[in-house]
Amino acid sequence: MSYHNELGKKGEKIAAAYLVKNGYTILAKNFYFNKAELDIVAQKNKGTIVVVEVKTRTSDFFGNPQDFVSPSKIKLLVKAANEYIISKNLDVEVRFDIIAIIKNKREEKIEHFENAFYHF
């Protein structure tokens, strides 16, 4: 597995642990639909599920991790979230969050952006 894939998997584990520590229940990890992947699907409040996109970088030299969620990525996430809702026969609101992680030998920084973007 390439280094960036390993870093991404580590970031997803860190994000999942962060969410659980903050009262969320993890419903799914790595849910795939066509070309889209939902990193984490979680729930804290009964009527809302949270789709979490995890972005992990070793530094912010080229920009903040959250800035790398493109409009085309958002479209894919919305499609996959819709499929998740339909496949599980859920009647809930959906919120899209980003967890941005900087992880290297010197630091581990986590930022959670709730309602990071809206589906339309």
Protein backbone atom coordinates (compact mmCIF):
# COMPACT_ATOMS: atom_id res chain seq x y z
CA MET A 1 0.00 0.00 0.00
CA SER A 2 1.40 3.41 -0.90
CA TYR A 3 2.28 5.90 1.81
CA HIS A 4 -0.60 8.31 1.05
CA ASN A 5 -3.09 5.43 1.29
CA GLU A 6 -1.59 4.37 4.63
CA LEU A 7 -1.78 7.97 5.86
CA GLY A 8 -5.41 8.16 4.76
CA LYS A 9 -6.30 4.96 6.64
CA LYS A 10 -4.53 6.25 9.76
CA GLY A 11 -6.46 9.49 9.44
CA GLU A 12 -9.76 7.64 9.18
CA LYS A 13 -8.95 5.69 12.36
CA ILE A 14 -8.04 8.90 14.18
CA ALA A 15 -11.26 10.55 12.97
CA ALA A 16 -13.42 7.58 14.02
CA ALA A 17 -11.86 7.57 17.50
CA TYR A 18 -12.40 11.35 17.74
CA LEU A 19 -16.07 10.99 16.78
CA VAL A 20 -16.70 8.19 19.29
CA LYS A 21 -14.98 10.21 22.02
CA ASN A 22 -17.34 13.09 21.19
CA GLY A 23 -20.53 11.05 21.48
CA TYR A 24 -21.05 9.80 17.93
CA THR A 25 -21.91 6.23 16.96
CA ILE A 26 -20.14 4.93 13.87
CA LEU A 27 -22.70 3.40 11.50
CA ALA A 28 -20.39 2.60 8.58
CA LYS A 29 -16.85 3.03 7.33
CA ASN A 30 -15.75 3.06 3.72
CA PHE A 31 -19.21 2.75 2.15
CA TYR A 32 -18.77 2.56 -1.64
CA PHE A 33 -21.20 3.48 -4.37
CA ASN A 34 -19.95 3.66 -7.97
CA LYS A 35 -16.83 5.84 -7.83
CA ALA A 36 -17.67 7.41 -4.48
CA GLU A 37 -16.63 6.41 -1.00
CA LEU A 38 -18.08 7.65 2.25
CA ASP A 39 -15.19 7.55 4.72
CA ILE A 40 -17.39 7.51 7.83
CA VAL A 41 -21.13 7.54 8.41
CA ALA A 42 -21.96 8.43 12.01
CA GLN A 43 -24.85 9.48 14.19
CA LYS A 44 -25.09 11.59 17.31
CA ASN A 45 -28.71 12.76 17.26
CA LYS A 46 -31.55 10.42 16.38
CA GLY A 47 -32.93 12.24 13.33
CA THR A 48 -29.63 13.05 11.62
CA ILE A 49 -26.80 11.03 10.18
CA VAL A 50 -23.44 12.61 9.56
CA VAL A 51 -21.37 11.82 6.49
CA VAL A 52 -17.76 12.57 7.34
CA GLU A 53 -15.10 13.17 4.72
CA VAL A 54 -11.65 12.71 6.27
CA LYS A 55 -8.71 14.61 4.81
CA THR A 56 -5.28 13.80 6.19
CA ARG A 57 -2.03 15.51 5.28
CA THR A 58 1.47 15.56 6.76
CA SER A 59 1.54 19.36 6.62
CA ASP A 60 -0.44 22.35 5.47
CA PHE A 61 2.38 23.54 3.20
CA PHE A 62 0.22 23.14 0.07
CA GLY A 63 -3.00 24.21 1.82
CA ASN A 64 -5.34 23.09 4.55
CA PRO A 65 -6.63 19.52 4.23
CA GLN A 66 -10.27 20.65 4.13
CA ASP A 67 -9.54 22.77 1.06
CA PHE A 68 -9.01 19.61 -0.99
CA VAL A 69 -12.70 18.65 -1.06
CA SER A 70 -13.59 19.68 -4.59
CA PRO A 71 -17.06 20.37 -6.05
CA SER A 72 -16.84 17.12 -8.03
CA LYS A 73 -15.99 15.23 -4.82
CA ILE A 74 -18.99 16.82 -3.12
CA LYS A 75 -21.27 15.60 -5.94
CA LEU A 76 -19.95 12.07 -5.51
CA LEU A 77 -20.39 12.21 -1.74
CA VAL A 78 -23.99 13.38 -2.11
CA LYS A 79 -24.77 10.54 -4.54
CA ALA A 80 -23.20 7.96 -2.25
CA ALA A 81 -25.00 9.37 0.80
CA ASN A 82 -28.29 9.18 -1.08
CA GLU A 83 -27.60 5.54 -1.93
CA TYR A 84 -26.70 4.79 1.68
CA ILE A 85 -29.98 6.31 2.89
CA ILE A 86 -32.02 4.39 0.31
CA SER A 87 -30.20 1.07 0.85
CA LYS A 88 -30.75 1.28 4.63
CA ASN A 89 -34.35 2.53 4.21
CA LEU A 90 -33.68 5.49 6.52
CA ASP A 91 -35.85 8.54 7.10
CA VAL A 92 -33.27 11.01 8.43
CA GLU A 93 -31.62 14.32 7.72
CA VAL A 94 -28.07 14.22 6.38
CA ARG A 95 -25.25 16.50 7.44
CA PHE A 96 -21.88 16.64 5.70
CA ASP A 97 -18.81 17.22 7.86
CA ILE A 98 -15.10 17.31 7.15
CA ILE A 99 -12.48 16.19 9.61
CA ALA A 100 -9.11 17.66 8.66
CA ILE A 101 -6.02 16.04 10.15
CA ILE A 102 -2.39 17.10 10.09
CA LYS A 103 -0.31 14.09 11.15
CA ASN A 104 3.43 13.83 11.17
CA LYS A 105 6.19 12.88 13.60
CA ARG A 106 5.92 16.19 15.47
CA GLU A 107 2.18 16.84 15.59
CA GLU A 108 -1.32 15.46 15.31
CA LYS A 109 -3.93 18.18 14.80
CA ILE A 110 -7.63 17.50 14.27
CA GLU A 111 -10.24 20.01 13.12
CA HIS A 112 -13.91 19.10 12.80
CA PHE A 113 -15.98 21.21 10.41
CA GLU A 114 -19.68 20.56 10.95
CA ASN A 115 -22.00 21.38 8.04
CA ALA A 116 -18.90 21.79 5.88
CA PHE A 117 -21.01 21.91 2.74
CA TYR A 118 -24.63 21.58 1.75
CA HIS A 119 -26.12 19.23 -0.78
CA PHE A 120 -28.35 20.75 -3.38
